[in-house]
Amino acid sequence: MRRTILPCLALLLITACHSETAMNQEITTAEKDVEQGGRGLAKLNPTPRHAYEFVLKINDAPGPINVVEAVAQYDVTNEEQCGRIQPETGTAGRITSQEPVELRKVADGEYRGIVYLDRMLDEDYYGRGVCRWEFSGASAMLKATGAEGETRFTSFLESPAFAKSEPLTRYYANAVYPRAEALPDYRAGGEAAPTDYKPELQDSIFSVELSARQVQP
């Protein structure tokens, strides 16, 4: 009997070690994917239901805006229960995902796309509990031509604005279009009003308006 049980125990230990090693390798691969802009172990919801039309309008641009991109951001709300524990600190790492939003041009300076609030799938990714995802908002990034060093004009419509259909307008100084000479790859987050800029810039401003409304998926 003893000769039968001992090999079985050894087999169980080897299997457990193999499973743990495979899981650690999967997590390492996932973390590298996240560093490169991927979603890691996170999965997309195959049947999202909460759809919003995301609208972007560019007004008075000083020149062409040939790069218009958008992403929807999702964050886990219970990372301490489900997140990957950092071995160096013993704390849970923040889990977030930015999913591309496909925009289509519908008019000069106007783009539209669909954002799903429930785009991410709630699931146990790390063996520590189901990760609960929450939609945080959608961001847009514009560039003149896409050339290296050009200014990135960014804006972000937060989740509450989606629910209330509240638009957001950000204002940008023409002085940093298409690039800020002293600051290559400058990220311009814009201001809430033209008067937030110094007087000599207030007559040379363009704006980006973001809005959303609920639609049928």
N, C-alpha and C. Protein backbone atom coordinates (compact mmCIF):
# COMPACT_ATOMS: atom_id res chain seq x y z
N MET A 1 0.83 -1.21 0.00
CA MET A 1 0.00 0.00 0.00
C MET A 1 0.86 1.25 0.00
N ARG A 2 1.91 1.22 0.88
CA ARG A 2 2.78 2.38 0.99
C ARG A 2 3.49 2.66 -0.33
N ARG A 3 3.92 1.57 -1.02
CA ARG A 3 4.60 1.76 -2.29
C ARG A 3 3.68 2.36 -3.34
N THR A 4 2.36 2.14 -3.22
CA THR A 4 1.40 2.69 -4.17
C THR A 4 1.11 4.15 -3.87
N ILE A 5 0.98 4.50 -2.59
CA ILE A 5 0.62 5.86 -2.18
C ILE A 5 1.75 6.85 -2.46
N LEU A 6 2.99 6.48 -2.19
CA LEU A 6 4.10 7.42 -2.34
C LEU A 6 4.27 7.91 -3.77
N PRO A 7 4.25 7.04 -4.77
CA PRO A 7 4.33 7.55 -6.15
C PRO A 7 3.16 8.46 -6.50
N CYS A 8 1.97 8.16 -5.97
CA CYS A 8 0.81 9.01 -6.23
C CYS A 8 1.00 10.40 -5.65
N LEU A 9 1.53 10.44 -4.41
CA LEU A 9 1.78 11.74 -3.79
C LEU A 9 2.82 12.52 -4.58
N ALA A 10 3.84 11.83 -5.03
CA ALA A 10 4.87 12.50 -5.83
C ALA A 10 4.28 13.05 -7.11
N LEU A 11 3.39 12.26 -7.73
CA LEU A 11 2.77 12.70 -8.97
C LEU A 11 1.91 13.94 -8.74
N LEU A 12 1.17 13.95 -7.61
CA LEU A 12 0.34 15.10 -7.29
C LEU A 12 1.19 16.35 -7.07
N LEU A 13 2.33 16.19 -6.37
CA LEU A 13 3.21 17.33 -6.12
C LEU A 13 3.79 17.87 -7.42
N ILE A 14 4.19 16.94 -8.31
CA ILE A 14 4.75 17.37 -9.59
C ILE A 14 3.71 18.11 -10.41
N THR A 15 2.47 17.58 -10.40
CA THR A 15 1.38 18.22 -11.14
C THR A 15 1.08 19.61 -10.60
N ALA A 16 1.06 19.72 -9.26
CA ALA A 16 0.79 21.03 -8.63
C ALA A 16 1.88 22.02 -8.97
N CYS A 17 3.13 21.56 -8.90
CA CYS A 17 4.25 22.45 -9.22
C CYS A 17 4.20 22.88 -10.67
N HIS A 18 3.86 21.92 -11.53
CA HIS A 18 3.77 22.25 -12.96
C HIS A 18 2.67 23.28 -13.22
N SER A 19 1.53 23.11 -12.54
CA SER A 19 0.41 24.05 -12.70
C SER A 19 0.79 25.43 -12.21
N GLU A 20 1.48 25.50 -11.06
CA GLU A 20 1.89 26.79 -10.52
C GLU A 20 2.90 27.46 -11.43
N THR A 21 3.85 26.67 -11.96
CA THR A 21 4.85 27.22 -12.87
C THR A 21 4.20 27.76 -14.13
N ALA A 22 3.24 27.00 -14.67
CA ALA A 22 2.53 27.44 -15.87
C ALA A 22 1.76 28.72 -15.61
N MET A 23 1.13 28.81 -14.43
CA MET A 23 0.36 30.01 -14.09
C MET A 23 1.30 31.21 -13.96
N ASN A 24 2.46 31.00 -13.31
CA ASN A 24 3.42 32.09 -13.17
C ASN A 24 3.94 32.57 -14.52
N GLN A 25 4.18 31.61 -15.44
CA GLN A 25 4.64 31.98 -16.77
C GLN A 25 3.56 32.75 -17.52
N GLU A 26 2.31 32.32 -17.34
CA GLU A 26 1.19 33.00 -18.00
C GLU A 26 1.06 34.43 -17.49
N ILE A 27 1.22 34.61 -16.17
CA ILE A 27 1.13 35.94 -15.57
C ILE A 27 2.27 36.82 -16.05
N THR A 28 3.49 36.26 -16.10
CA THR A 28 4.65 37.03 -16.59
C THR A 28 4.43 37.49 -18.02
N THR A 29 3.94 36.58 -18.86
CA THR A 29 3.65 36.94 -20.25
C THR A 29 2.58 38.02 -20.31
N ALA A 30 1.56 37.89 -19.46
CA ALA A 30 0.48 38.88 -19.43
C ALA A 30 0.98 40.24 -19.01
N GLU A 31 1.87 40.28 -18.00
CA GLU A 31 2.41 41.55 -17.53
C GLU A 31 3.22 42.24 -18.62
N LYS A 32 3.99 41.47 -19.39
CA LYS A 32 4.74 42.05 -20.50
C LYS A 32 3.79 42.60 -21.55
N ASP A 33 2.69 41.89 -21.77
CA ASP A 33 1.69 42.35 -22.73
C ASP A 33 1.09 43.68 -22.29
N VAL A 34 0.81 43.80 -21.00
CA VAL A 34 0.25 45.04 -20.45
C VAL A 34 1.23 46.19 -20.64
N GLU A 35 2.52 45.92 -20.38
CA GLU A 35 3.55 46.95 -20.55
C GLU A 35 3.61 47.46 -21.99
N GLN A 36 3.24 46.60 -22.94
CA GLN A 36 3.27 46.97 -24.35
C GLN A 36 1.93 47.48 -24.85
N GLY A 37 1.00 47.74 -23.91
CA GLY A 37 -0.29 48.30 -24.28
C GLY A 37 -1.41 47.29 -24.44
N GLY A 38 -1.13 46.01 -24.14
CA GLY A 38 -2.17 44.99 -24.24
C GLY A 38 -3.02 44.90 -23.00
N ARG A 39 -3.95 43.92 -22.98
CA ARG A 39 -4.86 43.77 -21.84
C ARG A 39 -4.46 42.64 -20.90
N GLY A 40 -3.33 41.94 -21.19
CA GLY A 40 -2.88 40.89 -20.29
C GLY A 40 -3.86 39.73 -20.23
N LEU A 41 -4.20 39.30 -19.01
CA LEU A 41 -5.12 38.19 -18.83
C LEU A 41 -6.58 38.59 -19.01
N ALA A 42 -6.85 39.88 -19.01
CA ALA A 42 -8.23 40.35 -19.10
C ALA A 42 -8.86 39.95 -20.43
N LYS A 43 -10.18 39.72 -20.38
CA LYS A 43 -10.92 39.31 -21.58
C LYS A 43 -12.04 40.30 -21.87
N LEU A 44 -12.39 40.37 -23.15
CA LEU A 44 -13.51 41.22 -23.55
C LEU A 44 -14.83 40.47 -23.37
N ASN A 45 -15.85 41.22 -23.00
CA ASN A 45 -17.20 40.68 -22.88
C ASN A 45 -17.70 40.33 -24.28
N PRO A 46 -18.04 39.06 -24.55
CA PRO A 46 -18.49 38.70 -25.90
C PRO A 46 -19.86 39.25 -26.27
N THR A 47 -20.65 39.63 -25.25
CA THR A 47 -22.00 40.14 -25.51
C THR A 47 -22.27 41.44 -24.74
N PRO A 48 -21.54 42.52 -25.03
CA PRO A 48 -21.79 43.79 -24.33
C PRO A 48 -23.16 44.34 -24.69
N ARG A 49 -23.80 45.04 -23.75
CA ARG A 49 -25.17 45.50 -23.96
C ARG A 49 -25.32 47.01 -23.79
N HIS A 50 -24.45 47.63 -22.98
CA HIS A 50 -24.62 49.06 -22.68
C HIS A 50 -23.79 49.89 -23.65
N ALA A 51 -24.43 50.31 -24.76
CA ALA A 51 -23.75 51.00 -25.84
C ALA A 51 -24.04 52.50 -25.82
N TYR A 52 -22.99 53.29 -26.09
CA TYR A 52 -23.12 54.74 -26.21
C TYR A 52 -22.42 55.19 -27.50
N GLU A 53 -23.04 56.13 -28.19
CA GLU A 53 -22.37 56.74 -29.33
C GLU A 53 -21.47 57.86 -28.82
N PHE A 54 -20.21 57.74 -29.13
CA PHE A 54 -19.19 58.70 -28.71
C PHE A 54 -18.94 59.66 -29.87
N VAL A 55 -19.12 60.96 -29.63
CA VAL A 55 -19.03 61.96 -30.69
C VAL A 55 -17.88 62.92 -30.40
N LEU A 56 -17.05 63.16 -31.40
CA LEU A 56 -15.92 64.09 -31.29
C LEU A 56 -16.04 65.14 -32.38
N LYS A 57 -16.00 66.42 -31.98
CA LYS A 57 -16.09 67.51 -32.94
C LYS A 57 -14.90 68.45 -32.76
N ILE A 58 -14.25 68.77 -33.88
CA ILE A 58 -13.11 69.69 -33.88
C ILE A 58 -13.57 71.02 -34.47
N ASN A 59 -13.33 72.10 -33.75
CA ASN A 59 -13.77 73.42 -34.20
C ASN A 59 -12.58 74.37 -34.35
N ASP A 60 -12.50 75.04 -35.52
CA ASP A 60 -11.52 76.10 -35.78
C ASP A 60 -10.08 75.62 -35.70
N ALA A 61 -9.82 74.41 -36.12
CA ALA A 61 -8.43 73.91 -36.12
C ALA A 61 -7.57 74.78 -37.02
N PRO A 62 -6.34 75.07 -36.63
CA PRO A 62 -5.47 75.95 -37.42
C PRO A 62 -4.90 75.29 -38.66
N GLY A 63 -5.13 74.00 -38.82
CA GLY A 63 -4.61 73.26 -39.96
C GLY A 63 -5.19 71.86 -39.95
N PRO A 64 -4.71 70.97 -40.79
CA PRO A 64 -5.27 69.62 -40.85
C PRO A 64 -5.05 68.83 -39.56
N ILE A 65 -6.04 68.03 -39.22
CA ILE A 65 -5.93 67.08 -38.12
C ILE A 65 -6.13 65.71 -38.75
N ASN A 66 -5.05 65.05 -39.08
CA ASN A 66 -5.13 63.79 -39.81
C ASN A 66 -5.11 62.55 -38.92
N VAL A 67 -4.76 62.73 -37.66
CA VAL A 67 -4.77 61.60 -36.73
C VAL A 67 -5.82 61.88 -35.65
N VAL A 68 -6.84 61.04 -35.61
CA VAL A 68 -7.91 61.16 -34.61
C VAL A 68 -8.14 59.77 -34.04
N GLU A 69 -7.79 59.57 -32.79
CA GLU A 69 -7.89 58.26 -32.16
C GLU A 69 -8.64 58.38 -30.83
N ALA A 70 -9.26 57.27 -30.41
CA ALA A 70 -9.98 57.26 -29.15
C ALA A 70 -9.85 55.89 -28.49
N VAL A 71 -9.87 55.89 -27.17
CA VAL A 71 -9.87 54.65 -26.41
C VAL A 71 -10.85 54.77 -25.26
N ALA A 72 -11.42 53.64 -24.87
CA ALA A 72 -12.28 53.58 -23.69
C ALA A 72 -11.48 52.94 -22.56
N GLN A 73 -11.55 53.55 -21.38
CA GLN A 73 -10.75 53.04 -20.26
C GLN A 73 -11.65 52.33 -19.25
N TYR A 74 -11.14 51.18 -18.78
CA TYR A 74 -11.85 50.37 -17.80
C TYR A 74 -10.89 50.04 -16.67
N ASP A 75 -11.40 50.10 -15.42
CA ASP A 75 -10.57 49.82 -14.25
C ASP A 75 -11.27 48.80 -13.36
N VAL A 76 -10.47 47.94 -12.75
CA VAL A 76 -11.01 46.98 -11.78
C VAL A 76 -11.26 47.70 -10.46
N THR A 77 -12.40 47.43 -9.86
CA THR A 77 -12.76 48.13 -8.61
C THR A 77 -12.35 47.37 -7.36
N ASN A 78 -11.97 46.12 -7.49
CA ASN A 78 -11.63 45.31 -6.31
C ASN A 78 -10.27 44.63 -6.50
N GLU A 79 -9.28 45.40 -6.89
CA GLU A 79 -7.97 44.82 -7.18
C GLU A 79 -7.34 44.14 -5.98
N GLU A 80 -7.68 44.56 -4.75
CA GLU A 80 -7.09 43.94 -3.57
C GLU A 80 -7.58 42.50 -3.41
N GLN A 81 -8.79 42.20 -3.91
CA GLN A 81 -9.32 40.85 -3.83
C GLN A 81 -8.93 40.00 -5.03
N CYS A 82 -8.75 40.64 -6.19
CA CYS A 82 -8.54 39.85 -7.40
C CYS A 82 -7.23 40.13 -8.10
N GLY A 83 -6.56 41.19 -7.77
CA GLY A 83 -5.40 41.62 -8.54
C GLY A 83 -4.16 40.79 -8.31
N ARG A 84 -3.25 40.89 -9.24
CA ARG A 84 -1.96 40.22 -9.15
C ARG A 84 -1.15 40.86 -8.02
N ILE A 85 -0.69 40.05 -7.07
CA ILE A 85 0.09 40.56 -5.94
C ILE A 85 1.54 40.77 -6.38
N GLN A 86 2.05 41.98 -6.14
CA GLN A 86 3.44 42.29 -6.45
C GLN A 86 4.35 41.63 -5.42
N PRO A 87 5.23 40.70 -5.82
CA PRO A 87 6.05 39.98 -4.84
C PRO A 87 6.98 40.89 -4.04
N GLU A 88 7.40 42.02 -4.62
CA GLU A 88 8.33 42.91 -3.92
C GLU A 88 7.67 43.63 -2.75
N THR A 89 6.39 43.96 -2.89
CA THR A 89 5.72 44.78 -1.88
C THR A 89 4.57 44.08 -1.18
N GLY A 90 4.06 43.01 -1.77
CA GLY A 90 2.91 42.33 -1.18
C GLY A 90 1.60 43.04 -1.43
N THR A 91 1.61 44.04 -2.31
CA THR A 91 0.39 44.80 -2.61
C THR A 91 -0.16 44.39 -3.98
N ALA A 92 -1.46 44.66 -4.16
CA ALA A 92 -2.11 44.32 -5.42
C ALA A 92 -1.84 45.39 -6.46
N GLY A 93 -1.45 44.94 -7.66
CA GLY A 93 -1.22 45.88 -8.75
C GLY A 93 -2.52 46.34 -9.36
N ARG A 94 -2.56 47.59 -9.80
CA ARG A 94 -3.76 48.14 -10.42
C ARG A 94 -4.03 47.46 -11.76
N ILE A 95 -5.26 47.06 -11.99
CA ILE A 95 -5.63 46.43 -13.24
C ILE A 95 -6.49 47.39 -14.04
N THR A 96 -6.02 47.73 -15.22
CA THR A 96 -6.75 48.65 -16.07
C THR A 96 -6.61 48.19 -17.52
N SER A 97 -7.53 48.63 -18.37
CA SER A 97 -7.46 48.27 -19.78
C SER A 97 -7.98 49.45 -20.60
N GLN A 98 -7.27 49.76 -21.67
CA GLN A 98 -7.70 50.80 -22.61
C GLN A 98 -7.99 50.14 -23.95
N GLU A 99 -9.27 50.14 -24.30
CA GLU A 99 -9.70 49.45 -25.52
C GLU A 99 -9.95 50.47 -26.64
N PRO A 100 -9.38 50.23 -27.82
CA PRO A 100 -9.56 51.17 -28.94
C PRO A 100 -11.04 51.34 -29.30
N VAL A 101 -11.39 52.57 -29.63
CA VAL A 101 -12.74 52.89 -30.12
C VAL A 101 -12.61 53.21 -31.61
N GLU A 102 -13.31 52.47 -32.44
CA GLU A 102 -13.24 52.70 -33.88
C GLU A 102 -14.08 53.92 -34.24
N LEU A 103 -13.42 54.96 -34.72
CA LEU A 103 -14.11 56.20 -35.10
C LEU A 103 -14.30 56.26 -36.61
N ARG A 104 -15.43 56.79 -37.02
CA ARG A 104 -15.69 57.03 -38.45
C ARG A 104 -15.96 58.51 -38.64
N LYS A 105 -15.45 59.06 -39.73
CA LYS A 105 -15.65 60.47 -40.04
C LYS A 105 -17.02 60.64 -40.68
N VAL A 106 -17.87 61.49 -40.09
CA VAL A 106 -19.22 61.69 -40.62
C VAL A 106 -19.39 63.06 -41.25
N ALA A 107 -18.47 63.97 -40.97
CA ALA A 107 -18.49 65.32 -41.55
C ALA A 107 -17.13 65.93 -41.29
N ASP A 108 -16.86 67.10 -41.89
CA ASP A 108 -15.59 67.78 -41.64
C ASP A 108 -15.46 68.08 -40.15
N GLY A 109 -14.44 67.53 -39.54
CA GLY A 109 -14.18 67.79 -38.13
C GLY A 109 -15.08 67.02 -37.18
N GLU A 110 -15.86 66.07 -37.66
CA GLU A 110 -16.75 65.32 -36.78
C GLU A 110 -16.56 63.82 -36.95
N TYR A 111 -16.40 63.12 -35.82
CA TYR A 111 -16.16 61.69 -35.80
C TYR A 111 -17.09 61.03 -34.78
N ARG A 112 -17.48 59.78 -35.08
CA ARG A 112 -18.37 59.05 -34.18
C ARG A 112 -17.92 57.60 -34.06
N GLY A 113 -18.18 57.03 -32.88
CA GLY A 113 -17.86 55.62 -32.64
C GLY A 113 -18.71 55.10 -31.49
N ILE A 114 -18.70 53.79 -31.30
CA ILE A 114 -19.50 53.16 -30.25
C ILE A 114 -18.59 52.75 -29.09
N VAL A 115 -19.02 53.13 -27.88
CA VAL A 115 -18.34 52.75 -26.65
C VAL A 115 -19.28 51.87 -25.83
N TYR A 116 -18.78 50.72 -25.40
CA TYR A 116 -19.57 49.82 -24.54
C TYR A 116 -19.09 49.98 -23.10
N LEU A 117 -20.02 50.32 -22.22
CA LEU A 117 -19.66 50.48 -20.82
C LEU A 117 -19.30 49.14 -20.18
N ASP A 118 -19.85 48.04 -20.69
CA ASP A 118 -19.59 46.71 -20.15
C ASP A 118 -18.71 45.91 -21.10
N ARG A 119 -17.68 46.54 -21.64
CA ARG A 119 -16.81 45.90 -22.64
C ARG A 119 -15.93 44.82 -22.04
N MET A 120 -15.59 44.93 -20.77
CA MET A 120 -14.69 43.97 -20.14
C MET A 120 -15.49 42.87 -19.44
N LEU A 121 -14.90 41.68 -19.36
CA LEU A 121 -15.56 40.51 -18.78
C LEU A 121 -15.11 40.33 -17.33
N ASP A 122 -16.08 40.30 -16.41
CA ASP A 122 -15.79 40.00 -15.01
C ASP A 122 -15.42 38.53 -14.89
N GLU A 123 -14.22 38.27 -14.41
CA GLU A 123 -13.74 36.88 -14.33
C GLU A 123 -12.60 36.79 -13.33
N ASP A 124 -12.35 35.58 -12.84
CA ASP A 124 -11.23 35.34 -11.93
C ASP A 124 -9.97 35.13 -12.77
N TYR A 125 -9.14 36.17 -12.90
CA TYR A 125 -7.97 36.11 -13.75
C TYR A 125 -6.72 35.60 -13.03
N TYR A 126 -6.65 35.76 -11.71
CA TYR A 126 -5.44 35.44 -10.97
C TYR A 126 -5.66 34.41 -9.87
N GLY A 127 -6.85 33.77 -9.86
CA GLY A 127 -7.12 32.75 -8.86
C GLY A 127 -7.36 33.28 -7.47
N ARG A 128 -7.75 34.57 -7.38
CA ARG A 128 -7.95 35.18 -6.07
C ARG A 128 -9.33 35.82 -5.95
N GLY A 129 -10.20 35.56 -6.89
CA GLY A 129 -11.54 36.15 -6.85
C GLY A 129 -11.89 36.82 -8.16
N VAL A 130 -13.19 36.99 -8.39
CA VAL A 130 -13.67 37.60 -9.63
C VAL A 130 -13.32 39.08 -9.66
N CYS A 131 -12.70 39.52 -10.75
CA CYS A 131 -12.37 40.93 -10.94
C CYS A 131 -13.59 41.67 -11.46
N ARG A 132 -13.96 42.76 -10.80
CA ARG A 132 -15.12 43.55 -11.18
C ARG A 132 -14.67 44.79 -11.93
N TRP A 133 -15.07 44.89 -13.20
CA TRP A 133 -14.65 46.00 -14.04
C TRP A 133 -15.65 47.15 -14.00
N GLU A 134 -15.13 48.36 -14.15
CA GLU A 134 -15.97 49.56 -14.20
C GLU A 134 -15.45 50.49 -15.30
N PHE A 135 -16.36 51.01 -16.09
CA PHE A 135 -16.00 51.95 -17.14
C PHE A 135 -15.63 53.29 -16.52
N SER A 136 -14.47 53.85 -16.90
CA SER A 136 -13.99 55.10 -16.32
C SER A 136 -14.22 56.31 -17.22
N GLY A 137 -14.24 56.07 -18.55
CA GLY A 137 -14.42 57.17 -19.47
C GLY A 137 -13.74 56.88 -20.80
N ALA A 138 -13.85 57.82 -21.71
CA ALA A 138 -13.23 57.66 -23.03
C ALA A 138 -12.35 58.87 -23.32
N SER A 139 -11.20 58.62 -23.91
CA SER A 139 -10.26 59.69 -24.23
C SER A 139 -10.03 59.78 -25.72
N ALA A 140 -9.63 60.95 -26.17
CA ALA A 140 -9.33 61.19 -27.58
C ALA A 140 -7.93 61.78 -27.68
N MET A 141 -7.25 61.46 -28.79
CA MET A 141 -5.92 62.00 -29.06
C MET A 141 -5.86 62.43 -30.52
N LEU A 142 -5.43 63.68 -30.74
CA LEU A 142 -5.36 64.25 -32.08
C LEU A 142 -3.93 64.69 -32.37
N LYS A 143 -3.50 64.53 -33.63
CA LYS A 143 -2.23 65.05 -34.10
C LYS A 143 -2.42 65.61 -35.51
N ALA A 144 -1.58 66.54 -35.86
CA ALA A 144 -1.72 67.19 -37.17
C ALA A 144 -1.56 66.20 -38.32
N THR A 145 -0.43 65.53 -38.37
CA THR A 145 -0.18 64.58 -39.46
C THR A 145 0.25 63.21 -38.98
N GLY A 146 0.65 63.14 -37.72
CA GLY A 146 1.18 61.89 -37.19
C GLY A 146 2.68 61.81 -37.22
N ALA A 147 3.34 62.88 -37.66
CA ALA A 147 4.80 62.88 -37.73
C ALA A 147 5.40 62.86 -36.33
N GLU A 148 6.62 62.34 -36.26
CA GLU A 148 7.32 62.25 -34.99
C GLU A 148 7.53 63.65 -34.40
N GLY A 149 7.29 63.78 -33.10
CA GLY A 149 7.53 65.03 -32.40
C GLY A 149 6.35 65.98 -32.36
N GLU A 150 5.28 65.66 -33.09
CA GLU A 150 4.12 66.56 -33.10
C GLU A 150 3.40 66.55 -31.76
N THR A 151 2.70 67.65 -31.49
CA THR A 151 1.92 67.77 -30.26
C THR A 151 0.76 66.78 -30.28
N ARG A 152 0.50 66.18 -29.12
CA ARG A 152 -0.65 65.31 -28.94
C ARG A 152 -1.72 66.09 -28.19
N PHE A 153 -2.83 66.36 -28.85
CA PHE A 153 -3.94 67.08 -28.23
C PHE A 153 -4.90 66.05 -27.64
N THR A 154 -5.03 66.06 -26.31
CA THR A 154 -5.79 65.02 -25.64
C THR A 154 -6.97 65.59 -24.87
N SER A 155 -7.99 64.74 -24.70
CA SER A 155 -9.17 65.10 -23.90
C SER A 155 -9.78 63.83 -23.35
N PHE A 156 -10.58 63.94 -22.29
CA PHE A 156 -11.12 62.76 -21.61
C PHE A 156 -12.54 63.06 -21.11
N LEU A 157 -13.50 62.25 -21.57
CA LEU A 157 -14.89 62.38 -21.13
C LEU A 157 -15.14 61.30 -20.08
N GLU A 158 -15.37 61.74 -18.84
CA GLU A 158 -15.50 60.80 -17.73
C GLU A 158 -16.84 60.07 -17.75
N SER A 159 -16.87 58.94 -17.05
CA SER A 159 -18.05 58.08 -17.03
C SER A 159 -19.34 58.79 -16.63
N PRO A 160 -19.36 59.64 -15.59
CA PRO A 160 -20.62 60.32 -15.23
C PRO A 160 -21.19 61.15 -16.37
N ALA A 161 -20.33 61.71 -17.21
CA ALA A 161 -20.80 62.52 -18.34
C ALA A 161 -21.53 61.65 -19.37
N PHE A 162 -21.12 60.40 -19.48
CA PHE A 162 -21.83 59.48 -20.37
C PHE A 162 -23.26 59.28 -19.87
N ALA A 163 -23.39 58.99 -18.60
CA ALA A 163 -24.71 58.70 -18.02
C ALA A 163 -25.64 59.91 -18.11
N LYS A 164 -25.07 61.11 -17.98
CA LYS A 164 -25.89 62.34 -17.99
C LYS A 164 -25.93 63.02 -19.35
N SER A 165 -25.24 62.45 -20.34
CA SER A 165 -25.15 63.06 -21.68
C SER A 165 -24.64 64.49 -21.60
N GLU A 166 -23.64 64.71 -20.77
CA GLU A 166 -23.03 66.03 -20.62
C GLU A 166 -21.80 66.16 -21.50
N PRO A 167 -21.77 67.12 -22.41
CA PRO A 167 -20.61 67.29 -23.29
C PRO A 167 -19.43 67.93 -22.56
N LEU A 168 -18.27 67.75 -23.12
CA LEU A 168 -17.05 68.35 -22.59
C LEU A 168 -16.34 69.06 -23.72
N THR A 169 -15.92 70.31 -23.48
CA THR A 169 -15.16 71.06 -24.48
C THR A 169 -13.82 71.46 -23.89
N ARG A 170 -12.75 71.18 -24.63
CA ARG A 170 -11.41 71.58 -24.23
C ARG A 170 -10.85 72.52 -25.29
N TYR A 171 -10.10 73.54 -24.84
CA TYR A 171 -9.56 74.57 -25.73
C TYR A 171 -8.03 74.46 -25.77
N TYR A 172 -7.49 74.64 -26.98
CA TYR A 172 -6.06 74.46 -27.21
C TYR A 172 -5.47 75.68 -27.91
N ALA A 173 -4.25 76.00 -27.56
CA ALA A 173 -3.57 77.15 -28.17
C ALA A 173 -2.97 76.75 -29.51
N ASN A 174 -3.22 77.57 -30.53
CA ASN A 174 -2.64 77.32 -31.85
C ASN A 174 -1.10 77.35 -31.81
N ALA A 175 -0.57 77.99 -30.78
CA ALA A 175 0.89 78.16 -30.69
C ALA A 175 1.63 76.83 -30.63
N VAL A 176 0.97 75.75 -30.19
CA VAL A 176 1.66 74.46 -30.09
C VAL A 176 1.22 73.51 -31.22
N TYR A 177 0.56 74.06 -32.23
CA TYR A 177 0.20 73.28 -33.43
C TYR A 177 1.16 73.63 -34.57
N PRO A 178 1.67 72.71 -35.32
CA PRO A 178 1.52 71.26 -35.16
C PRO A 178 2.45 70.67 -34.12
N ARG A 179 3.38 71.48 -33.61
CA ARG A 179 4.31 71.00 -32.60
C ARG A 179 4.77 72.16 -31.74
N ALA A 180 5.20 71.82 -30.54
CA ALA A 180 5.84 72.80 -29.66
C ALA A 180 7.34 72.64 -29.86
N GLU A 181 7.98 73.64 -30.44
CA GLU A 181 9.38 73.50 -30.86
C GLU A 181 10.31 73.09 -29.73
N ALA A 182 10.06 73.62 -28.55
CA ALA A 182 10.95 73.33 -27.42
C ALA A 182 10.57 72.04 -26.70
N LEU A 183 9.40 71.47 -27.05
CA LEU A 183 8.91 70.27 -26.35
C LEU A 183 8.40 69.24 -27.35
N PRO A 184 9.28 68.45 -27.94
CA PRO A 184 8.83 67.41 -28.88
C PRO A 184 7.88 66.44 -28.18
N ASP A 185 6.87 65.98 -28.92
CA ASP A 185 5.86 65.04 -28.38
C ASP A 185 5.11 65.64 -27.21
N TYR A 186 4.94 66.94 -27.23
CA TYR A 186 4.23 67.63 -26.15
C TYR A 186 2.79 67.13 -26.05
N ARG A 187 2.35 66.86 -24.84
CA ARG A 187 0.97 66.45 -24.59
C ARG A 187 0.18 67.65 -24.09
N ALA A 188 -0.74 68.13 -24.93
CA ALA A 188 -1.56 69.29 -24.58
C ALA A 188 -2.93 68.79 -24.10
N GLY A 189 -3.21 68.99 -22.83
CA GLY A 189 -4.48 68.55 -22.26
C GLY A 189 -5.59 69.56 -22.42
N GLY A 190 -5.25 70.76 -22.91
CA GLY A 190 -6.27 71.78 -23.13
C GLY A 190 -6.71 72.45 -21.84
N GLU A 191 -7.55 73.47 -21.99
CA GLU A 191 -8.10 74.22 -20.86
C GLU A 191 -9.62 74.28 -20.98
N ALA A 192 -10.28 74.59 -19.88
CA ALA A 192 -11.74 74.61 -19.84
C ALA A 192 -12.33 75.82 -20.55
N ALA A 193 -11.53 76.89 -20.72
CA ALA A 193 -12.01 78.11 -21.37
C ALA A 193 -10.85 78.84 -22.03
N PRO A 194 -11.10 79.60 -23.12
CA PRO A 194 -10.02 80.37 -23.75
C PRO A 194 -9.37 81.35 -22.80
N THR A 195 -10.12 81.88 -21.85
CA THR A 195 -9.58 82.86 -20.91
C THR A 195 -8.58 82.27 -19.93
N ASP A 196 -8.45 80.94 -19.94
CA ASP A 196 -7.44 80.31 -19.09
C ASP A 196 -6.03 80.51 -19.65
N TYR A 197 -5.94 80.94 -20.92
CA TYR A 197 -4.64 81.21 -21.53
C TYR A 197 -4.28 82.68 -21.33
N LYS A 198 -3.02 83.01 -21.52
CA LYS A 198 -2.60 84.40 -21.40
C LYS A 198 -3.22 85.20 -22.55
N PRO A 199 -3.46 86.49 -22.34
CA PRO A 199 -4.23 87.31 -23.29
C PRO A 199 -3.76 87.23 -24.74
N GLU A 200 -2.46 87.19 -24.97
CA GLU A 200 -1.96 87.20 -26.34
C GLU A 200 -2.26 85.90 -27.10
N LEU A 201 -2.71 84.86 -26.40
CA LEU A 201 -3.05 83.59 -27.06
C LEU A 201 -4.56 83.38 -27.23
N GLN A 202 -5.36 84.19 -26.57
CA GLN A 202 -6.79 83.92 -26.50
C GLN A 202 -7.52 84.07 -27.84
N ASP A 203 -6.94 84.78 -28.79
CA ASP A 203 -7.57 84.92 -30.10
C ASP A 203 -7.10 83.86 -31.09
N SER A 204 -6.21 82.99 -30.65
CA SER A 204 -5.69 81.92 -31.51
C SER A 204 -5.89 80.58 -30.81
N ILE A 205 -7.14 80.16 -30.79
CA ILE A 205 -7.56 78.99 -30.02
C ILE A 205 -8.42 78.09 -30.92
N PHE A 206 -8.27 76.77 -30.73
CA PHE A 206 -9.25 75.86 -31.33
C PHE A 206 -9.77 74.93 -30.24
N SER A 207 -10.85 74.23 -30.51
CA SER A 207 -11.48 73.42 -29.47
C SER A 207 -11.85 72.03 -29.96
N VAL A 208 -12.02 71.13 -29.01
CA VAL A 208 -12.50 69.78 -29.27
C VAL A 208 -13.64 69.51 -28.29
N GLU A 209 -14.77 69.08 -28.84
CA GLU A 209 -15.94 68.76 -28.00
C GLU A 209 -16.19 67.25 -28.03
N LEU A 210 -16.34 66.68 -26.84
CA LEU A 210 -16.68 65.27 -26.70
C LEU A 210 -18.07 65.15 -26.09
N SER A 211 -18.84 64.20 -26.59
CA SER A 211 -20.17 63.96 -26.02
C SER A 211 -20.56 62.50 -26.25
N ALA A 212 -21.61 62.06 -25.60
CA ALA A 212 -22.06 60.67 -25.74
C ALA A 212 -23.56 60.60 -25.49
N ARG A 213 -24.19 59.65 -26.16
CA ARG A 213 -25.61 59.37 -25.92
C ARG A 213 -25.85 57.89 -26.05
N GLN A 214 -26.75 57.39 -25.22
CA GLN A 214 -27.02 55.95 -25.20
C GLN A 214 -27.76 55.52 -26.48
N VAL A 215 -27.36 54.38 -27.01
CA VAL A 215 -27.97 53.85 -28.22
C VAL A 215 -28.21 52.35 -28.04
N GLN A 216 -28.95 51.76 -28.95
CA GLN A 216 -29.16 50.31 -28.93
C GLN A 216 -27.94 49.61 -29.49
N PRO A 217 -27.46 48.55 -28.83
CA PRO A 217 -26.27 47.85 -29.31
C PRO A 217 -26.53 47.14 -30.63
